[in-house]
Amino acid sequence: MQETTTHSAKPPYKSVAVALLFSVLLGPLGLLYASFWGGVAMIGLAMLVFSAKLLFTSSLFWISCSIWAVGAVESYNRRLAKSET
């Protein structure tokens, strides 16, 4: 007799280190790894921020993309772990 087991395909966890690396190097494009819609929104906002040519504002924008990426990946991984139990 053979036993049949069903395995549900679950998406893999995302790496916080990779999300941080992508967002530090690529800014809003790197945010796409962590949060697709967040990345799309920040790319649109980046066009406005960088066209203003303000260095300090651009730096704050880049840092906020990195913070958002780390938070989005942590939230995603928590939701995934919660659904496994």
PDB file of N, CA and C in Angstrom:
ATOM      1  N   MET A   1       0.827  -1.184   0.000  1.00  0.00           N
ATOM      2  CA  MET A   1       0.000   0.000   0.000  1.00  0.00           C
ATOM      3  C   MET A   1       0.869   1.244   0.000  1.00  0.00           C
ATOM      4  N   GLN A   2       0.454   2.172  -0.782  1.00  0.00           N
ATOM      5  CA  GLN A   2       1.176   3.435  -0.841  1.00  0.00           C
ATOM      6  C   GLN A   2       0.355   4.510  -0.158  1.00  0.00           C
ATOM      7  N   GLU A   3       1.057   5.306   0.580  1.00  0.00           N
ATOM      8  CA  GLU A   3       0.399   6.453   1.198  1.00  0.00           C
ATOM      9  C   GLU A   3       0.617   7.671   0.313  1.00  0.00           C
ATOM     10  N   THR A   4      -0.414   8.411   0.127  1.00  0.00           N
ATOM     11  CA  THR A   4      -0.275   9.640  -0.646  1.00  0.00           C
ATOM     12  C   THR A   4      -0.272  10.814   0.310  1.00  0.00           C
ATOM     13  N   THR A   5       0.691  11.633   0.142  1.00  0.00           N
ATOM     14  CA  THR A   5       0.768  12.841   0.962  1.00  0.00           C
ATOM     15  C   THR A   5       0.609  14.043   0.056  1.00  0.00           C
ATOM     16  N   THR A   6      -0.047  15.006   0.584  1.00  0.00           N
ATOM     17  CA  THR A   6      -0.207  16.235  -0.185  1.00  0.00           C
ATOM     18  C   THR A   6       0.681  17.307   0.416  1.00  0.00           C
ATOM     19  N   HIS A   7       1.428  17.907  -0.438  1.00  0.00           N
ATOM     20  CA  HIS A   7       2.288  19.008  -0.014  1.00  0.00           C
ATOM     21  C   HIS A   7       1.781  20.279  -0.677  1.00  0.00           C
ATOM     22  N   SER A   8       1.504  21.233   0.143  1.00  0.00           N
ATOM     23  CA  SER A   8       1.091  22.506  -0.442  1.00  0.00           C
ATOM     24  C   SER A   8       2.337  23.347  -0.711  1.00  0.00           C
ATOM     25  N   ALA A   9       2.379  23.908  -1.863  1.00  0.00           N
ATOM     26  CA  ALA A   9       3.520  24.732  -2.239  1.00  0.00           C
ATOM     27  C   ALA A   9       3.426  26.073  -1.528  1.00  0.00           C
ATOM     28  N   LYS A  10       4.388  26.345  -0.680  1.00  0.00           N
ATOM     29  CA  LYS A  10       4.418  27.608   0.049  1.00  0.00           C
ATOM     30  C   LYS A  10       5.575  28.442  -0.473  1.00  0.00           C
ATOM     31  N   PRO A  11       5.349  29.721  -0.598  1.00  0.00           N
ATOM     32  CA  PRO A  11       6.448  30.569  -1.079  1.00  0.00           C
ATOM     33  C   PRO A  11       7.588  30.605  -0.064  1.00  0.00           C
ATOM     34  N   PRO A  12       8.810  30.745  -0.530  1.00  0.00           N
ATOM     35  CA  PRO A  12       9.957  30.774   0.388  1.00  0.00           C
ATOM     36  C   PRO A  12      10.033  32.101   1.140  1.00  0.00           C
ATOM     37  N   TYR A  13      10.735  32.054   2.251  1.00  0.00           N
ATOM     38  CA  TYR A  13      10.984  33.282   3.002  1.00  0.00           C
ATOM     39  C   TYR A  13      11.865  34.201   2.168  1.00  0.00           C
ATOM     40  N   LYS A  14      11.750  35.496   2.422  1.00  0.00           N
ATOM     41  CA  LYS A  14      12.623  36.470   1.772  1.00  0.00           C
ATOM     42  C   LYS A  14      13.735  36.832   2.743  1.00  0.00           C
ATOM     43  N   SER A  15      14.886  37.154   2.210  1.00  0.00           N
ATOM     44  CA  SER A  15      16.048  37.493   3.018  1.00  0.00           C
ATOM     45  C   SER A  15      16.069  38.990   3.329  1.00  0.00           C
ATOM     46  N   VAL A  16      16.199  39.306   4.611  1.00  0.00           N
ATOM     47  CA  VAL A  16      16.293  40.703   5.032  1.00  0.00           C
ATOM     48  C   VAL A  16      17.598  41.316   4.510  1.00  0.00           C
ATOM     49  N   ALA A  17      18.669  40.535   4.529  1.00  0.00           N
ATOM     50  CA  ALA A  17      19.963  41.044   4.059  1.00  0.00           C
ATOM     51  C   ALA A  17      19.916  41.388   2.571  1.00  0.00           C
ATOM     52  N   VAL A  18      19.264  40.540   1.781  1.00  0.00           N
ATOM     53  CA  VAL A  18      19.160  40.798   0.346  1.00  0.00           C
ATOM     54  C   VAL A  18      18.298  42.032   0.098  1.00  0.00           C
ATOM     55  N   ALA A  19      17.205  42.155   0.848  1.00  0.00           N
ATOM     56  CA  ALA A  19      16.332  43.321   0.698  1.00  0.00           C
ATOM     57  C   ALA A  19      17.083  44.603   1.024  1.00  0.00           C
ATOM     58  N   LEU A  20      17.867  44.574   2.103  1.00  0.00           N
ATOM     59  CA  LEU A  20      18.650  45.756   2.485  1.00  0.00           C
ATOM     60  C   LEU A  20      19.709  46.069   1.434  1.00  0.00           C
ATOM     61  N   LEU A  21      20.387  45.053   0.937  1.00  0.00           N
ATOM     62  CA  LEU A  21      21.415  45.257  -0.084  1.00  0.00           C
ATOM     63  C   LEU A  21      20.815  45.854  -1.353  1.00  0.00           C
ATOM     64  N   PHE A  22      19.710  45.272  -1.820  1.00  0.00           N
ATOM     65  CA  PHE A  22      19.066  45.789  -3.029  1.00  0.00           C
ATOM     66  C   PHE A  22      18.616  47.235  -2.848  1.00  0.00           C
ATOM     67  N   SER A  23      18.015  47.529  -1.698  1.00  0.00           N
ATOM     68  CA  SER A  23      17.485  48.880  -1.504  1.00  0.00           C
ATOM     69  C   SER A  23      18.590  49.916  -1.292  1.00  0.00           C
ATOM     70  N   VAL A  24      19.685  49.511  -0.690  1.00  0.00           N
ATOM     71  CA  VAL A  24      20.805  50.454  -0.522  1.00  0.00           C
ATOM     72  C   VAL A  24      21.457  50.740  -1.872  1.00  0.00           C
ATOM     73  N   LEU A  25      21.620  49.708  -2.690  1.00  0.00           N
ATOM     74  CA  LEU A  25      22.277  49.893  -3.981  1.00  0.00           C
ATOM     75  C   LEU A  25      21.356  50.488  -5.040  1.00  0.00           C
ATOM     76  N   LEU A  26      20.082  50.080  -5.030  1.00  0.00           N
ATOM     77  CA  LEU A  26      19.176  50.458  -6.108  1.00  0.00           C
ATOM     78  C   LEU A  26      18.042  51.385  -5.688  1.00  0.00           C
ATOM     79  N   GLY A  27      17.921  51.663  -4.402  1.00  0.00           N
ATOM     80  CA  GLY A  27      16.860  52.556  -3.919  1.00  0.00           C
ATOM     81  C   GLY A  27      15.478  51.985  -4.169  1.00  0.00           C
ATOM     82  N   PRO A  28      14.604  52.736  -4.810  1.00  0.00           N
ATOM     83  CA  PRO A  28      13.235  52.270  -5.016  1.00  0.00           C
ATOM     84  C   PRO A  28      13.140  51.037  -5.920  1.00  0.00           C
ATOM     85  N   LEU A  29      14.091  50.855  -6.811  1.00  0.00           N
ATOM     86  CA  LEU A  29      14.094  49.628  -7.624  1.00  0.00           C
ATOM     87  C   LEU A  29      14.364  48.403  -6.756  1.00  0.00           C
ATOM     88  N   GLY A  30      15.232  48.541  -5.777  1.00  0.00           N
ATOM     89  CA  GLY A  30      15.521  47.445  -4.851  1.00  0.00           C
ATOM     90  C   GLY A  30      14.345  47.137  -3.944  1.00  0.00           C
ATOM     91  N   LEU A  31      13.508  48.126  -3.706  1.00  0.00           N
ATOM     92  CA  LEU A  31      12.320  47.919  -2.888  1.00  0.00           C
ATOM     93  C   LEU A  31      11.335  46.971  -3.557  1.00  0.00           C
ATOM     94  N   LEU A  32      11.417  46.836  -4.861  1.00  0.00           N
ATOM     95  CA  LEU A  32      10.532  45.912  -5.581  1.00  0.00           C
ATOM     96  C   LEU A  32      10.682  44.477  -5.081  1.00  0.00           C
ATOM     97  N   TYR A  33      11.867  44.089  -4.609  1.00  0.00           N
ATOM     98  CA  TYR A  33      12.081  42.744  -4.068  1.00  0.00           C
ATOM     99  C   TYR A  33      11.235  42.524  -2.818  1.00  0.00           C
ATOM    100  N   ALA A  34      11.157  43.526  -1.980  1.00  0.00           N
ATOM    101  CA  ALA A  34      10.448  43.391  -0.714  1.00  0.00           C
ATOM    102  C   ALA A  34       8.950  43.626  -0.854  1.00  0.00           C
ATOM    103  N   SER A  35       8.584  44.639  -1.595  1.00  0.00           N
ATOM    104  CA  SER A  35       7.174  45.013  -1.730  1.00  0.00           C
ATOM    105  C   SER A  35       6.961  45.575  -3.125  1.00  0.00           C
ATOM    106  N   PHE A  36       6.243  44.821  -3.943  1.00  0.00           N
ATOM    107  CA  PHE A  36       6.058  45.246  -5.331  1.00  0.00           C
ATOM    108  C   PHE A  36       5.359  46.597  -5.408  1.00  0.00           C
ATOM    109  N   TRP A  37       4.212  46.718  -4.757  1.00  0.00           N
ATOM    110  CA  TRP A  37       3.452  47.968  -4.847  1.00  0.00           C
ATOM    111  C   TRP A  37       4.165  49.113  -4.128  1.00  0.00           C
ATOM    112  N   GLY A  38       4.888  48.808  -3.060  1.00  0.00           N
ATOM    113  CA  GLY A  38       5.694  49.831  -2.418  1.00  0.00           C
ATOM    114  C   GLY A  38       6.792  50.334  -3.335  1.00  0.00           C
ATOM    115  N   GLY A  39       7.408  49.425  -4.075  1.00  0.00           N
ATOM    116  CA  GLY A  39       8.432  49.801  -5.039  1.00  0.00           C
ATOM    117  C   GLY A  39       7.883  50.649  -6.163  1.00  0.00           C
ATOM    118  N   VAL A  40       6.711  50.270  -6.656  1.00  0.00           N
ATOM    119  CA  VAL A  40       6.090  51.046  -7.733  1.00  0.00           C
ATOM    120  C   VAL A  40       5.768  52.462  -7.253  1.00  0.00           C
ATOM    121  N   ALA A  41       5.222  52.560  -6.040  1.00  0.00           N
ATOM    122  CA  ALA A  41       4.881  53.875  -5.487  1.00  0.00           C
ATOM    123  C   ALA A  41       6.126  54.732  -5.284  1.00  0.00           C
ATOM    124  N   MET A  42       7.185  54.124  -4.759  1.00  0.00           N
ATOM    125  CA  MET A  42       8.404  54.887  -4.501  1.00  0.00           C
ATOM    126  C   MET A  42       9.142  55.259  -5.794  1.00  0.00           C
ATOM    127  N   ILE A  43       9.024  54.452  -6.831  1.00  0.00           N
ATOM    128  CA  ILE A  43       9.620  54.822  -8.122  1.00  0.00           C
ATOM    129  C   ILE A  43       8.922  56.071  -8.657  1.00  0.00           C
ATOM    130  N   GLY A  44       7.590  56.096  -8.542  1.00  0.00           N
ATOM    131  CA  GLY A  44       6.855  57.289  -8.968  1.00  0.00           C
ATOM    132  C   GLY A  44       7.236  58.510  -8.155  1.00  0.00           C
ATOM    133  N   LEU A  45       7.344  58.335  -6.844  1.00  0.00           N
ATOM    134  CA  LEU A  45       7.729  59.439  -5.968  1.00  0.00           C
ATOM    135  C   LEU A  45       9.181  59.857  -6.221  1.00  0.00           C
ATOM    136  N   ALA A  46      10.029  58.899  -6.582  1.00  0.00           N
ATOM    137  CA  ALA A  46      11.439  59.207  -6.853  1.00  0.00           C
ATOM    138  C   ALA A  46      11.585  60.171  -8.020  1.00  0.00           C
ATOM    139  N   MET A  47      10.710  60.029  -8.992  1.00  0.00           N
ATOM    140  CA  MET A  47      10.781  60.945 -10.135  1.00  0.00           C
ATOM    141  C   MET A  47      10.566  62.390  -9.692  1.00  0.00           C
ATOM    142  N   LEU A  48       9.686  62.590  -8.747  1.00  0.00           N
ATOM    143  CA  LEU A  48       9.446  63.940  -8.228  1.00  0.00           C
ATOM    144  C   LEU A  48      10.589  64.416  -7.340  1.00  0.00           C
ATOM    145  N   VAL A  49      11.036  63.543  -6.437  1.00  0.00           N
ATOM    146  CA  VAL A  49      12.075  63.928  -5.469  1.00  0.00           C
ATOM    147  C   VAL A  49      13.388  64.236  -6.177  1.00  0.00           C
ATOM    148  N   PHE A  50      13.792  63.378  -7.099  1.00  0.00           N
ATOM    149  CA  PHE A  50      15.083  63.580  -7.751  1.00  0.00           C
ATOM    150  C   PHE A  50      15.046  64.696  -8.785  1.00  0.00           C
ATOM    151  N   SER A  51      13.869  64.991  -9.310  1.00  0.00           N
ATOM    152  CA  SER A  51      13.798  66.112 -10.245  1.00  0.00           C
ATOM    153  C   SER A  51      13.926  67.453  -9.520  1.00  0.00           C
ATOM    154  N   ALA A  52      13.659  67.462  -8.205  1.00  0.00           N
ATOM    155  CA  ALA A  52      13.819  68.683  -7.414  1.00  0.00           C
ATOM    156  C   ALA A  52      15.297  68.988  -7.168  1.00  0.00           C
ATOM    157  N   LYS A  53      16.158  67.999  -7.340  1.00  0.00           N
ATOM    158  CA  LYS A  53      17.612  68.137  -7.218  1.00  0.00           C
ATOM    159  C   LYS A  53      18.054  68.651  -5.845  1.00  0.00           C
ATOM    160  N   LEU A  54      17.373  68.182  -4.806  1.00  0.00           N
ATOM    161  CA  LEU A  54      17.761  68.517  -3.443  1.00  0.00           C
ATOM    162  C   LEU A  54      18.492  67.320  -2.841  1.00  0.00           C
ATOM    163  N   LEU A  55      19.757  67.486  -2.545  1.00  0.00           N
ATOM    164  CA  LEU A  55      20.594  66.381  -2.090  1.00  0.00           C
ATOM    165  C   LEU A  55      20.100  65.796  -0.769  1.00  0.00           C
ATOM    166  N   PHE A  56      19.772  66.629   0.194  1.00  0.00           N
ATOM    167  CA  PHE A  56      19.341  66.135   1.504  1.00  0.00           C
ATOM    168  C   PHE A  56      18.030  65.363   1.395  1.00  0.00           C
ATOM    169  N   THR A  57      17.079  65.889   0.647  1.00  0.00           N
ATOM    170  CA  THR A  57      15.789  65.218   0.472  1.00  0.00           C
ATOM    171  C   THR A  57      15.972  63.892  -0.265  1.00  0.00           C
ATOM    172  N   SER A  58      16.841  63.873  -1.244  1.00  0.00           N
ATOM    173  CA  SER A  58      17.115  62.643  -1.981  1.00  0.00           C
ATOM    174  C   SER A  58      17.751  61.597  -1.076  1.00  0.00           C
ATOM    175  N   SER A  59      18.634  62.028  -0.198  1.00  0.00           N
ATOM    176  CA  SER A  59      19.273  61.098   0.745  1.00  0.00           C
ATOM    177  C   SER A  59      18.252  60.517   1.710  1.00  0.00           C
ATOM    178  N   LEU A  60      17.374  61.355   2.229  1.00  0.00           N
ATOM    179  CA  LEU A  60      16.323  60.862   3.125  1.00  0.00           C
ATOM    180  C   LEU A  60      15.392  59.893   2.400  1.00  0.00           C
ATOM    181  N   PHE A  61      15.101  60.179   1.158  1.00  0.00           N
ATOM    182  CA  PHE A  61      14.253  59.306   0.357  1.00  0.00           C
ATOM    183  C   PHE A  61      14.906  57.940   0.188  1.00  0.00           C
ATOM    184  N   TRP A  62      16.191  57.919  -0.118  1.00  0.00           N
ATOM    185  CA  TRP A  62      16.922  56.668  -0.326  1.00  0.00           C
ATOM    186  C   TRP A  62      16.932  55.836   0.964  1.00  0.00           C
ATOM    187  N   ILE A  63      17.164  56.500   2.098  1.00  0.00           N
ATOM    188  CA  ILE A  63      17.178  55.816   3.397  1.00  0.00           C
ATOM    189  C   ILE A  63      15.796  55.265   3.726  1.00  0.00           C
ATOM    190  N   SER A  64      14.752  56.029   3.411  1.00  0.00           N
ATOM    191  CA  SER A  64      13.395  55.555   3.700  1.00  0.00           C
ATOM    192  C   SER A  64      13.051  54.328   2.857  1.00  0.00           C
ATOM    193  N   CYS A  65      13.574  54.240   1.645  1.00  0.00           N
ATOM    194  CA  CYS A  65      13.372  53.034   0.829  1.00  0.00           C
ATOM    195  C   CYS A  65      14.014  51.820   1.500  1.00  0.00           C
ATOM    196  N   SER A  66      15.188  52.009   2.081  1.00  0.00           N
ATOM    197  CA  SER A  66      15.878  50.913   2.757  1.00  0.00           C
ATOM    198  C   SER A  66      15.122  50.468   3.999  1.00  0.00           C
ATOM    199  N   ILE A  67      14.637  51.413   4.768  1.00  0.00           N
ATOM    200  CA  ILE A  67      13.876  51.079   5.971  1.00  0.00           C
ATOM    201  C   ILE A  67      12.585  50.364   5.604  1.00  0.00           C
ATOM    202  N   TRP A  68      11.907  50.843   4.577  1.00  0.00           N
ATOM    203  CA  TRP A  68      10.664  50.227   4.127  1.00  0.00           C
ATOM    204  C   TRP A  68      10.923  48.790   3.655  1.00  0.00           C
ATOM    205  N   ALA A  69      12.015  48.571   2.941  1.00  0.00           N
ATOM    206  CA  ALA A  69      12.330  47.237   2.428  1.00  0.00           C
ATOM    207  C   ALA A  69      12.530  46.239   3.565  1.00  0.00           C
ATOM    208  N   VAL A  70      13.279  46.636   4.581  1.00  0.00           N
ATOM    209  CA  VAL A  70      13.518  45.738   5.715  1.00  0.00           C
ATOM    210  C   VAL A  70      12.203  45.444   6.441  1.00  0.00           C
ATOM    211  N   GLY A  71      11.400  46.470   6.683  1.00  0.00           N
ATOM    212  CA  GLY A  71      10.117  46.271   7.353  1.00  0.00           C
ATOM    213  C   GLY A  71       9.167  45.409   6.544  1.00  0.00           C
ATOM    214  N   ALA A  72       9.148  45.581   5.236  1.00  0.00           N
ATOM    215  CA  ALA A  72       8.255  44.800   4.375  1.00  0.00           C
ATOM    216  C   ALA A  72       8.647  43.323   4.368  1.00  0.00           C
ATOM    217  N   VAL A  73       9.933  43.032   4.336  1.00  0.00           N
ATOM    218  CA  VAL A  73      10.380  41.634   4.347  1.00  0.00           C
ATOM    219  C   VAL A  73      10.100  40.990   5.697  1.00  0.00           C
ATOM    220  N   GLU A  74      10.319  41.717   6.788  1.00  0.00           N
ATOM    221  CA  GLU A  74      10.020  41.162   8.106  1.00  0.00           C
ATOM    222  C   GLU A  74       8.529  40.877   8.245  1.00  0.00           C
ATOM    223  N   SER A  75       7.701  41.771   7.751  1.00  0.00           N
ATOM    224  CA  SER A  75       6.258  41.573   7.798  1.00  0.00           C
ATOM    225  C   SER A  75       5.841  40.373   6.945  1.00  0.00           C
ATOM    226  N   TYR A  76       6.413  40.254   5.766  1.00  0.00           N
ATOM    227  CA  TYR A  76       6.120  39.129   4.870  1.00  0.00           C
ATOM    228  C   TYR A  76       6.498  37.808   5.534  1.00  0.00           C
ATOM    229  N   ASN A  77       7.683  37.753   6.117  1.00  0.00           N
ATOM    230  CA  ASN A  77       8.145  36.522   6.767  1.00  0.00           C
ATOM    231  C   ASN A  77       7.288  36.164   7.981  1.00  0.00           C
ATOM    232  N   ARG A  78       6.838  37.161   8.748  1.00  0.00           N
ATOM    233  CA  ARG A  78       5.936  36.897   9.886  1.00  0.00           C
ATOM    234  C   ARG A  78       4.624  36.299   9.413  1.00  0.00           C
ATOM    235  N   ARG A  79       4.044  36.896   8.344  1.00  0.00           N
ATOM    236  CA  ARG A  79       2.786  36.369   7.791  1.00  0.00           C
ATOM    237  C   ARG A  79       2.957  34.940   7.295  1.00  0.00           C
ATOM    238  N   LEU A  80       4.087  34.661   6.669  1.00  0.00           N
ATOM    239  CA  LEU A  80       4.351  33.318   6.155  1.00  0.00           C
ATOM    240  C   LEU A  80       4.497  32.319   7.296  1.00  0.00           C
ATOM    241  N   ALA A  81       5.219  32.697   8.350  1.00  0.00           N
ATOM    242  CA  ALA A  81       5.395  31.814   9.506  1.00  0.00           C
ATOM    243  C   ALA A  81       4.069  31.579  10.216  1.00  0.00           C
ATOM    244  N   LYS A  82       3.240  32.599  10.286  1.00  0.00           N
ATOM    245  CA  LYS A  82       1.947  32.471  10.952  1.00  0.00           C
ATOM    246  C   LYS A  82       1.020  31.524  10.175  1.00  0.00           C
ATOM    247  N   SER A  83       1.107  31.554   8.857  1.00  0.00           N
ATOM    248  CA  SER A  83       0.239  30.693   8.049  1.00  0.00           C
ATOM    249  C   SER A  83       0.691  29.233   8.082  1.00  0.00           C
ATOM    250  N   GLU A  84       1.937  28.966   8.467  1.00  0.00           N
ATOM    251  CA  GLU A  84       2.436  27.601   8.535  1.00  0.00           C
ATOM    252  C   GLU A  84       1.941  26.873   9.779  1.00  0.00           C
ATOM    253  N   THR A  85       1.570  27.616  10.792  1.00  0.00           N
ATOM    254  CA  THR A  85       1.144  26.962  12.035  1.00  0.00           C
ATOM    255  C   THR A  85      -0.307  26.610  12.027  1.00  0.00           C
TER     256      THR A  85
END
